[in-house]
Amino acid sequence: GRNIMFGIREHAMGSILNGMALHGGIIPYGATFLTFSDYMRPAIRLAALSNLHVIYVFTHDSIGLGEDGPTHQPVEHISSLRTVPNLMVIRPADANETAQAWKIAVGAKSPVALIFSRQKLPVIDQTKYASAEGVARGAYVLADCDSSTPDLILIASGSEVGLALKAYEKMTAEGTKVRVVSMPSWELFEQQSEEYRHQVLPLSVKKRISIEAGVPIGWERYVGTQGIVIGVNRFGASAPGELVMEKFGFSVENIIQKAKSL
């Protein structure tokens, strides 16, 4: 009796979660495809307005969904959820970041949206790169150059972090000083001190590229006027997920081409 089979009725599910959170004694969560967060929006807004500890598990988070096509491929939804006051949005890059995201969500005092991919993602090697504990600060330096000041910063969330690391490896081998920042949560990052935020994203480094499979809106605050946003400005397409991602510019080659243009 721990699981409720809500069926395909996200608005009712969101409302019931609110009632469960108000009753107290448990932390309720509800799960659905990210694109169907639209149906839950009034309930999500009410949870945020009421400081209710509800956890939303949104899966199938991008055009990487593939063959189900544009109707099921969320494009504007991550950005849309970020606009809700008092809602924490976390989009982890791998299994380790996911564990940290759950830890944060369980300990939160207000609603949290966890955003997960459908496609298989590699587990980032924490012996080679930074620990996933950095998720608690919203954004952290995952990979860095030998120099204290990089030539370029790649900022990514979720499934695109692995892509950023591949581009980092290739550009580093070619002699470019690159930093990779994993940014699973804007809300958590904005809660950090100005000193920490400037450590992660130094003001002196103007050449920045953000990589996220969603609408670009909002990323300009992190890439600045001289940076580039790799995002999705249209609805998706029906094709194998890897092919859709590549055609929409989410490839190592495109990231490097954009970097060279800077």
C-alpha atoms as a PDB file:
ATOM      1  CA  GLY A   1       0.000   0.000   0.000  1.00  0.00           C
ATOM      2  CA  ARG A   2       2.980   2.369  -0.249  1.00  0.00           C
ATOM      3  CA  ASN A   3       2.386   3.159  -3.926  1.00  0.00           C
ATOM      4  CA  ILE A   4      -0.700   4.776  -5.424  1.00  0.00           C
ATOM      5  CA  MET A   5      -1.496   3.941  -9.035  1.00  0.00           C
ATOM      6  CA  PHE A   6      -2.654   7.421 -10.038  1.00  0.00           C
ATOM      7  CA  GLY A   7      -3.082   6.535 -13.686  1.00  0.00           C
ATOM      8  CA  ILE A   8      -2.700   9.178 -16.383  1.00  0.00           C
ATOM      9  CA  ARG A   9      -4.109  12.060 -14.326  1.00  0.00           C
ATOM     10  CA  GLU A  10      -1.302  14.390 -13.345  1.00  0.00           C
ATOM     11  CA  HIS A  11      -3.482  17.266 -12.081  1.00  0.00           C
ATOM     12  CA  ALA A  12      -5.268  14.996  -9.612  1.00  0.00           C
ATOM     13  CA  MET A  13      -1.966  13.406  -8.607  1.00  0.00           C
ATOM     14  CA  GLY A  14      -0.402  16.804  -7.843  1.00  0.00           C
ATOM     15  CA  SER A  15      -3.432  17.832  -5.795  1.00  0.00           C
ATOM     16  CA  ILE A  16      -3.429  14.575  -3.824  1.00  0.00           C
ATOM     17  CA  LEU A  17       0.301  14.988  -3.099  1.00  0.00           C
ATOM     18  CA  ASN A  18      -0.483  18.416  -1.637  1.00  0.00           C
ATOM     19  CA  GLY A  19      -3.119  16.907   0.622  1.00  0.00           C
ATOM     20  CA  MET A  20      -0.723  14.194   1.767  1.00  0.00           C
ATOM     21  CA  ALA A  21       1.969  16.780   2.547  1.00  0.00           C
ATOM     22  CA  LEU A  22      -0.527  18.923   4.497  1.00  0.00           C
ATOM     23  CA  HIS A  23      -1.626  15.932   6.553  1.00  0.00           C
ATOM     24  CA  GLY A  24       1.980  15.447   7.673  1.00  0.00           C
ATOM     25  CA  GLY A  25       4.030  12.481   8.737  1.00  0.00           C
ATOM     26  CA  ILE A  26       5.187  11.502   5.248  1.00  0.00           C
ATOM     27  CA  ILE A  27       7.066  13.020   2.315  1.00  0.00           C
ATOM     28  CA  PRO A  28       4.981  12.287  -0.784  1.00  0.00           C
ATOM     29  CA  TYR A  29       6.378  12.092  -4.294  1.00  0.00           C
ATOM     30  CA  GLY A  30       4.722  11.702  -7.669  1.00  0.00           C
ATOM     31  CA  ALA A  31       6.288  10.669 -10.957  1.00  0.00           C
ATOM     32  CA  THR A  32       5.489  11.341 -14.608  1.00  0.00           C
ATOM     33  CA  PHE A  33       7.082  12.437 -17.874  1.00  0.00           C
ATOM     34  CA  LEU A  34       8.453  15.982 -17.709  1.00  0.00           C
ATOM     35  CA  THR A  35       6.277  17.136 -20.606  1.00  0.00           C
ATOM     36  CA  PHE A  36       3.173  16.352 -18.529  1.00  0.00           C
ATOM     37  CA  SER A  37       4.233  18.724 -15.762  1.00  0.00           C
ATOM     38  CA  ASP A  38       1.965  21.145 -17.647  1.00  0.00           C
ATOM     39  CA  TYR A  39      -1.069  19.237 -16.356  1.00  0.00           C
ATOM     40  CA  MET A  40       0.237  19.535 -12.781  1.00  0.00           C
ATOM     41  CA  ARG A  41       1.124  23.193 -12.877  1.00  0.00           C
ATOM     42  CA  PRO A  42      -1.700  24.578 -10.682  1.00  0.00           C
ATOM     43  CA  ALA A  43      -0.925  21.970  -8.014  1.00  0.00           C
ATOM     44  CA  ILE A  44       2.820  22.627  -8.258  1.00  0.00           C
ATOM     45  CA  ARG A  45       2.220  26.355  -7.892  1.00  0.00           C
ATOM     46  CA  LEU A  46       0.016  25.785  -4.855  1.00  0.00           C
ATOM     47  CA  ALA A  47       2.660  23.537  -3.263  1.00  0.00           C
ATOM     48  CA  ALA A  48       5.273  26.255  -3.777  1.00  0.00           C
ATOM     49  CA  LEU A  49       2.925  28.937  -2.473  1.00  0.00           C
ATOM     50  CA  SER A  50       2.104  26.840   0.608  1.00  0.00           C
ATOM     51  CA  ASN A  51       5.648  25.615   1.369  1.00  0.00           C
ATOM     52  CA  LEU A  52       4.584  21.992   1.021  1.00  0.00           C
ATOM     53  CA  HIS A  53       7.310  19.351   1.077  1.00  0.00           C
ATOM     54  CA  VAL A  54       6.394  17.499  -2.100  1.00  0.00           C
ATOM     55  CA  ILE A  55       8.886  15.827  -4.435  1.00  0.00           C
ATOM     56  CA  TYR A  56       8.178  15.653  -8.167  1.00  0.00           C
ATOM     57  CA  VAL A  57      10.028  13.005 -10.159  1.00  0.00           C
ATOM     58  CA  PHE A  58      10.030  14.078 -13.805  1.00  0.00           C
ATOM     59  CA  THR A  59      11.555  11.656 -16.305  1.00  0.00           C
ATOM     60  CA  HIS A  60      12.046  11.617 -20.093  1.00  0.00           C
ATOM     61  CA  ASP A  61      13.422  15.131 -19.863  1.00  0.00           C
ATOM     62  CA  SER A  62      14.450  16.179 -23.370  1.00  0.00           C
ATOM     63  CA  ILE A  63      14.556  15.597 -27.124  1.00  0.00           C
ATOM     64  CA  GLY A  64      16.785  12.646 -26.179  1.00  0.00           C
ATOM     65  CA  LEU A  65      13.484  10.823 -25.646  1.00  0.00           C
ATOM     66  CA  GLY A  66      13.607  10.049 -29.366  1.00  0.00           C
ATOM     67  CA  GLU A  67      10.932   8.107 -31.199  1.00  0.00           C
ATOM     68  CA  ASP A  68       7.914   9.269 -29.137  1.00  0.00           C
ATOM     69  CA  GLY A  69       8.288  12.541 -30.998  1.00  0.00           C
ATOM     70  CA  PRO A  70       7.654  16.250 -30.313  1.00  0.00           C
ATOM     71  CA  THR A  71       4.483  15.733 -28.257  1.00  0.00           C
ATOM     72  CA  HIS A  72       6.417  13.852 -25.586  1.00  0.00           C
ATOM     73  CA  GLN A  73       9.732  15.716 -25.864  1.00  0.00           C
ATOM     74  CA  PRO A  74       9.847  18.571 -23.332  1.00  0.00           C
ATOM     75  CA  VAL A  75      11.545  21.693 -24.645  1.00  0.00           C
ATOM     76  CA  GLU A  76      10.243  24.611 -22.569  1.00  0.00           C
ATOM     77  CA  HIS A  77       9.437  22.695 -19.381  1.00  0.00           C
ATOM     78  CA  ILE A  78      12.697  22.904 -17.425  1.00  0.00           C
ATOM     79  CA  SER A  79      12.786  26.663 -17.931  1.00  0.00           C
ATOM     80  CA  SER A  80       9.094  26.912 -17.081  1.00  0.00           C
ATOM     81  CA  LEU A  81       9.548  25.121 -13.751  1.00  0.00           C
ATOM     82  CA  ARG A  82      12.508  27.360 -12.893  1.00  0.00           C
ATOM     83  CA  THR A  83      10.203  30.376 -13.046  1.00  0.00           C
ATOM     84  CA  VAL A  84       8.022  29.082 -10.176  1.00  0.00           C
ATOM     85  CA  PRO A  85       9.003  30.884  -6.942  1.00  0.00           C
ATOM     86  CA  ASN A  86       9.962  28.608  -4.039  1.00  0.00           C
ATOM     87  CA  LEU A  87      10.300  25.523  -6.269  1.00  0.00           C
ATOM     88  CA  MET A  88      13.743  23.929  -6.307  1.00  0.00           C
ATOM     89  CA  VAL A  89      14.632  22.327  -9.649  1.00  0.00           C
ATOM     90  CA  ILE A  90      17.494  19.793  -9.790  1.00  0.00           C
ATOM     91  CA  ARG A  91      18.650  18.116 -13.013  1.00  0.00           C
ATOM     92  CA  PRO A  92      21.408  15.604 -12.146  1.00  0.00           C
ATOM     93  CA  ALA A  93      24.062  14.417 -14.604  1.00  0.00           C
ATOM     94  CA  ASP A  94      24.485  10.796 -13.513  1.00  0.00           C
ATOM     95  CA  ALA A  95      23.728   8.228 -10.797  1.00  0.00           C
ATOM     96  CA  ASN A  96      26.008   9.886  -8.226  1.00  0.00           C
ATOM     97  CA  GLU A  97      24.492  13.343  -8.758  1.00  0.00           C
ATOM     98  CA  THR A  98      21.074  11.693  -8.560  1.00  0.00           C
ATOM     99  CA  ALA A  99      21.847  10.241  -5.115  1.00  0.00           C
ATOM    100  CA  GLN A 100      22.909  13.699  -3.938  1.00  0.00           C
ATOM    101  CA  ALA A 101      19.781  15.250  -5.473  1.00  0.00           C
ATOM    102  CA  TRP A 102      17.558  12.821  -3.554  1.00  0.00           C
ATOM    103  CA  LYS A 103      19.413  13.653  -0.345  1.00  0.00           C
ATOM    104  CA  ILE A 104      18.696  17.349  -0.910  1.00  0.00           C
ATOM    105  CA  ALA A 105      15.065  16.708  -1.857  1.00  0.00           C
ATOM    106  CA  VAL A 106      14.346  14.643   1.259  1.00  0.00           C
ATOM    107  CA  GLY A 107      15.861  17.316   3.487  1.00  0.00           C
ATOM    108  CA  ALA A 108      14.128  20.259   1.795  1.00  0.00           C
ATOM    109  CA  LYS A 109      11.415  22.418   3.378  1.00  0.00           C
ATOM    110  CA  SER A 110       9.520  23.220   0.181  1.00  0.00           C
ATOM    111  CA  PRO A 111       8.698  21.430  -3.114  1.00  0.00           C
ATOM    112  CA  VAL A 112      11.476  19.965  -5.239  1.00  0.00           C
ATOM    113  CA  ALA A 113      11.399  18.915  -8.901  1.00  0.00           C
ATOM    114  CA  LEU A 114      13.909  16.203  -9.816  1.00  0.00           C
ATOM    115  CA  ILE A 115      14.524  16.089 -13.571  1.00  0.00           C
ATOM    116  CA  PHE A 116      15.813  12.810 -15.060  1.00  0.00           C
ATOM    117  CA  SER A 117      16.690  11.598 -18.551  1.00  0.00           C
ATOM    118  CA  ARG A 118      15.274   8.598 -20.346  1.00  0.00           C
ATOM    119  CA  GLN A 119      18.466   7.632 -22.165  1.00  0.00           C
ATOM    120  CA  LYS A 120      21.289   5.746 -20.481  1.00  0.00           C
ATOM    121  CA  LEU A 121      24.020   8.016 -19.112  1.00  0.00           C
ATOM    122  CA  PRO A 122      27.607   7.183 -18.146  1.00  0.00           C
ATOM    123  CA  VAL A 123      28.562   7.361 -14.476  1.00  0.00           C
ATOM    124  CA  ILE A 124      31.123  10.152 -14.105  1.00  0.00           C
ATOM    125  CA  ASP A 125      34.392   8.902 -12.589  1.00  0.00           C
ATOM    126  CA  GLN A 126      34.723  10.680  -9.226  1.00  0.00           C
ATOM    127  CA  THR A 127      38.355   9.574  -8.915  1.00  0.00           C
ATOM    128  CA  LYS A 128      39.126  11.544 -12.077  1.00  0.00           C
ATOM    129  CA  TYR A 129      36.668  14.422 -11.706  1.00  0.00           C
ATOM    130  CA  ALA A 130      35.149  16.269  -8.740  1.00  0.00           C
ATOM    131  CA  SER A 131      32.835  14.619  -6.217  1.00  0.00           C
ATOM    132  CA  ALA A 132      29.100  14.733  -6.872  1.00  0.00           C
ATOM    133  CA  GLU A 133      28.689  16.248  -3.390  1.00  0.00           C
ATOM    134  CA  GLY A 134      29.043  19.568  -5.208  1.00  0.00           C
ATOM    135  CA  VAL A 135      25.381  19.202  -6.215  1.00  0.00           C
ATOM    136  CA  ALA A 136      24.482  20.620  -2.782  1.00  0.00           C
ATOM    137  CA  ARG A 137      25.842  23.988  -3.954  1.00  0.00           C
ATOM    138  CA  GLY A 138      23.845  24.024  -7.162  1.00  0.00           C
ATOM    139  CA  ALA A 139      26.890  24.227  -9.433  1.00  0.00           C
ATOM    140  CA  TYR A 140      30.492  23.135  -9.034  1.00  0.00           C
ATOM    141  CA  VAL A 141      33.739  22.793 -10.979  1.00  0.00           C
ATOM    142  CA  LEU A 142      33.632  19.240 -12.294  1.00  0.00           C
ATOM    143  CA  ALA A 143      36.791  19.362 -14.430  1.00  0.00           C
ATOM    144  CA  ASP A 144      39.421  22.058 -14.669  1.00  0.00           C
ATOM    145  CA  CYS A 145      42.598  23.093 -16.440  1.00  0.00           C
ATOM    146  CA  ASP A 146      46.080  23.254 -14.922  1.00  0.00           C
ATOM    147  CA  SER A 147      46.008  27.052 -15.021  1.00  0.00           C
ATOM    148  CA  SER A 148      44.124  29.015 -12.373  1.00  0.00           C
ATOM    149  CA  THR A 149      42.276  30.886 -15.121  1.00  0.00           C
ATOM    150  CA  PRO A 150      40.663  28.928 -17.978  1.00  0.00           C
ATOM    151  CA  ASP A 151      40.264  30.218 -21.520  1.00  0.00           C
ATOM    152  CA  LEU A 152      36.753  28.809 -21.738  1.00  0.00           C
ATOM    153  CA  ILE A 153      34.035  27.579 -19.361  1.00  0.00           C
ATOM    154  CA  LEU A 154      31.535  24.919 -20.411  1.00  0.00           C
ATOM    155  CA  ILE A 155      28.400  24.924 -18.233  1.00  0.00           C
ATOM    156  CA  ALA A 156      25.956  22.031 -18.519  1.00  0.00           C
ATOM    157  CA  SER A 157      23.196  20.205 -16.686  1.00  0.00           C
ATOM    158  CA  GLY A 158      21.810  16.676 -16.775  1.00  0.00           C
ATOM    159  CA  SER A 159      22.587  14.461 -19.731  1.00  0.00           C
ATOM    160  CA  GLU A 160      24.606  17.198 -21.415  1.00  0.00           C
ATOM    161  CA  VAL A 161      27.299  17.184 -18.704  1.00  0.00           C
ATOM    162  CA  GLY A 162      28.797  13.981 -20.120  1.00  0.00           C
ATOM    163  CA  LEU A 163      28.892  15.654 -23.530  1.00  0.00           C
ATOM    164  CA  ALA A 164      30.681  18.671 -22.060  1.00  0.00           C
ATOM    165  CA  LEU A 165      33.286  16.362 -20.494  1.00  0.00           C
ATOM    166  CA  LYS A 166      33.974  14.707 -23.857  1.00  0.00           C
ATOM    167  CA  ALA A 167      34.472  18.120 -25.457  1.00  0.00           C
ATOM    168  CA  TYR A 168      36.689  19.110 -22.516  1.00  0.00           C
ATOM    169  CA  GLU A 169      38.920  16.064 -22.999  1.00  0.00           C
ATOM    170  CA  LYS A 170      39.346  16.753 -26.691  1.00  0.00           C
ATOM    171  CA  MET A 171      40.016  20.489 -26.349  1.00  0.00           C
ATOM    172  CA  THR A 172      42.372  19.933 -23.419  1.00  0.00           C
ATOM    173  CA  ALA A 173      44.375  17.485 -25.545  1.00  0.00           C
ATOM    174  CA  GLU A 174      44.616  20.213 -28.191  1.00  0.00           C
ATOM    175  CA  GLY A 175      45.984  22.693 -25.641  1.00  0.00           C
ATOM    176  CA  THR A 176      42.893  24.755 -24.798  1.00  0.00           C
ATOM    177  CA  LYS A 177      42.448  25.619 -21.117  1.00  0.00           C
ATOM    178  CA  VAL A 178      38.881  24.529 -20.373  1.00  0.00           C
ATOM    179  CA  ARG A 179      36.765  24.306 -17.226  1.00  0.00           C
ATOM    180  CA  VAL A 180      33.587  22.215 -17.000  1.00  0.00           C
ATOM    181  CA  VAL A 181      30.905  23.326 -14.554  1.00  0.00           C
ATOM    182  CA  SER A 182      28.054  20.973 -13.709  1.00  0.00           C
ATOM    183  CA  MET A 183      25.018  23.105 -12.841  1.00  0.00           C
ATOM    184  CA  PRO A 184      22.138  20.864 -11.744  1.00  0.00           C
ATOM    185  CA  SER A 185      20.259  23.589  -9.829  1.00  0.00           C
ATOM    186  CA  TRP A 186      20.065  27.314 -10.485  1.00  0.00           C
ATOM    187  CA  GLU A 187      18.124  27.824  -7.256  1.00  0.00           C
ATOM    188  CA  LEU A 188      20.777  26.200  -5.065  1.00  0.00           C
ATOM    189  CA  PHE A 189      23.576  28.035  -6.877  1.00  0.00           C
ATOM    190  CA  GLU A 190      21.915  31.412  -6.351  1.00  0.00           C
ATOM    191  CA  GLN A 191      21.750  30.672  -2.611  1.00  0.00           C
ATOM    192  CA  GLN A 192      25.542  30.437  -2.408  1.00  0.00           C
ATOM    193  CA  SER A 193      27.806  33.311  -1.439  1.00  0.00           C
ATOM    194  CA  GLU A 194      28.974  35.729  -4.104  1.00  0.00           C
ATOM    195  CA  GLU A 195      32.534  34.590  -3.391  1.00  0.00           C
ATOM    196  CA  TYR A 196      31.710  30.961  -4.190  1.00  0.00           C
ATOM    197  CA  ARG A 197      29.726  31.850  -7.312  1.00  0.00           C
ATOM    198  CA  HIS A 198      32.661  33.883  -8.630  1.00  0.00           C
ATOM    199  CA  GLN A 199      35.058  31.039  -7.819  1.00  0.00           C
ATOM    200  CA  VAL A 200      33.019  28.724 -10.037  1.00  0.00           C
ATOM    201  CA  LEU A 201      32.351  31.325 -12.737  1.00  0.00           C
ATOM    202  CA  PRO A 202      35.185  33.908 -12.565  1.00  0.00           C
ATOM    203  CA  LEU A 203      34.136  37.330 -13.811  1.00  0.00           C
ATOM    204  CA  SER A 204      37.389  37.575 -15.772  1.00  0.00           C
ATOM    205  CA  VAL A 205      36.439  34.626 -18.003  1.00  0.00           C
ATOM    206  CA  LYS A 206      34.028  35.970 -20.604  1.00  0.00           C
ATOM    207  CA  LYS A 207      34.147  33.032 -23.019  1.00  0.00           C
ATOM    208  CA  ARG A 208      31.468  30.645 -21.828  1.00  0.00           C
ATOM    209  CA  ILE A 209      29.154  28.088 -23.413  1.00  0.00           C
ATOM    210  CA  SER A 210      26.057  26.633 -21.752  1.00  0.00           C
ATOM    211  CA  ILE A 211      24.739  23.267 -22.928  1.00  0.00           C
ATOM    212  CA  GLU A 212      21.217  22.161 -22.051  1.00  0.00           C
ATOM    213  CA  ALA A 213      18.604  20.408 -24.191  1.00  0.00           C
ATOM    214  CA  GLY A 214      15.870  22.976 -23.564  1.00  0.00           C
ATOM    215  CA  VAL A 215      14.925  26.532 -24.468  1.00  0.00           C
ATOM    216  CA  PRO A 216      17.903  28.901 -24.044  1.00  0.00           C
ATOM    217  CA  ILE A 217      16.015  31.501 -21.996  1.00  0.00           C
ATOM    218  CA  GLY A 218      17.742  32.317 -18.704  1.00  0.00           C
ATOM    219  CA  TRP A 219      21.159  30.913 -19.525  1.00  0.00           C
ATOM    220  CA  GLU A 220      22.385  34.358 -20.580  1.00  0.00           C
ATOM    221  CA  ARG A 221      22.767  35.226 -16.888  1.00  0.00           C
ATOM    222  CA  TYR A 222      25.541  32.610 -16.684  1.00  0.00           C
ATOM    223  CA  VAL A 223      27.203  32.913 -20.095  1.00  0.00           C
ATOM    224  CA  GLY A 224      27.057  36.709 -20.264  1.00  0.00           C
ATOM    225  CA  THR A 225      26.922  38.914 -23.346  1.00  0.00           C
ATOM    226  CA  GLN A 226      30.007  37.318 -24.906  1.00  0.00           C
ATOM    227  CA  GLY A 227      28.978  33.697 -24.393  1.00  0.00           C
ATOM    228  CA  ILE A 228      27.004  31.150 -26.405  1.00  0.00           C
ATOM    229  CA  VAL A 229      23.924  29.171 -25.395  1.00  0.00           C
ATOM    230  CA  ILE A 230      23.476  25.754 -26.998  1.00  0.00           C
ATOM    231  CA  GLY A 231      19.787  24.993 -26.533  1.00  0.00           C
ATOM    232  CA  VAL A 232      16.593  24.052 -28.367  1.00  0.00           C
ATOM    233  CA  ASN A 233      14.530  26.832 -29.957  1.00  0.00           C
ATOM    234  CA  ARG A 234      11.921  24.617 -31.619  1.00  0.00           C
ATOM    235  CA  PHE A 235       9.835  21.530 -30.939  1.00  0.00           C
ATOM    236  CA  GLY A 236      11.576  18.170 -31.199  1.00  0.00           C
ATOM    237  CA  ALA A 237      11.514  15.438 -33.814  1.00  0.00           C
ATOM    238  CA  SER A 238      10.689  11.762 -34.063  1.00  0.00           C
ATOM    239  CA  ALA A 239      13.865   9.740 -34.541  1.00  0.00           C
ATOM    240  CA  PRO A 240      16.315   7.723 -32.425  1.00  0.00           C
ATOM    241  CA  GLY A 241      17.330   9.856 -29.424  1.00  0.00           C
ATOM    242  CA  GLU A 242      21.038   9.990 -30.243  1.00  0.00           C
ATOM    243  CA  LEU A 243      20.270  11.128 -33.790  1.00  0.00           C
ATOM    244  CA  VAL A 244      17.873  13.848 -32.606  1.00  0.00           C
ATOM    245  CA  MET A 245      20.453  15.163 -30.132  1.00  0.00           C
ATOM    246  CA  GLU A 246      23.146  15.257 -32.808  1.00  0.00           C
ATOM    247  CA  LYS A 247      20.901  16.979 -35.379  1.00  0.00           C
ATOM    248  CA  PHE A 248      19.952  19.621 -32.806  1.00  0.00           C
ATOM    249  CA  GLY A 249      23.607  20.475 -32.155  1.00  0.00           C
ATOM    250  CA  PHE A 250      24.290  18.400 -29.049  1.00  0.00           C
ATOM    251  CA  SER A 251      27.552  16.871 -30.214  1.00  0.00           C
ATOM    252  CA  VAL A 252      31.209  17.201 -29.293  1.00  0.00           C
ATOM    253  CA  GLU A 253      31.932  18.552 -32.767  1.00  0.00           C
ATOM    254  CA  ASN A 254      29.387  21.367 -32.461  1.00  0.00           C
ATOM    255  CA  ILE A 255      30.584  22.356 -28.984  1.00  0.00           C
ATOM    256  CA  ILE A 256      34.180  22.572 -30.234  1.00  0.00           C
ATOM    257  CA  GLN A 257      33.077  24.558 -33.299  1.00  0.00           C
ATOM    258  CA  LYS A 258      31.238  27.036 -31.062  1.00  0.00           C
ATOM    259  CA  ALA A 259      34.282  27.234 -28.777  1.00  0.00           C
ATOM    260  CA  LYS A 260      36.539  28.062 -31.718  1.00  0.00           C
ATOM    261  CA  SER A 261      34.128  30.780 -32.826  1.00  0.00           C
ATOM    262  CA  LEU A 262      34.675  32.419 -29.432  1.00  0.00           C
END
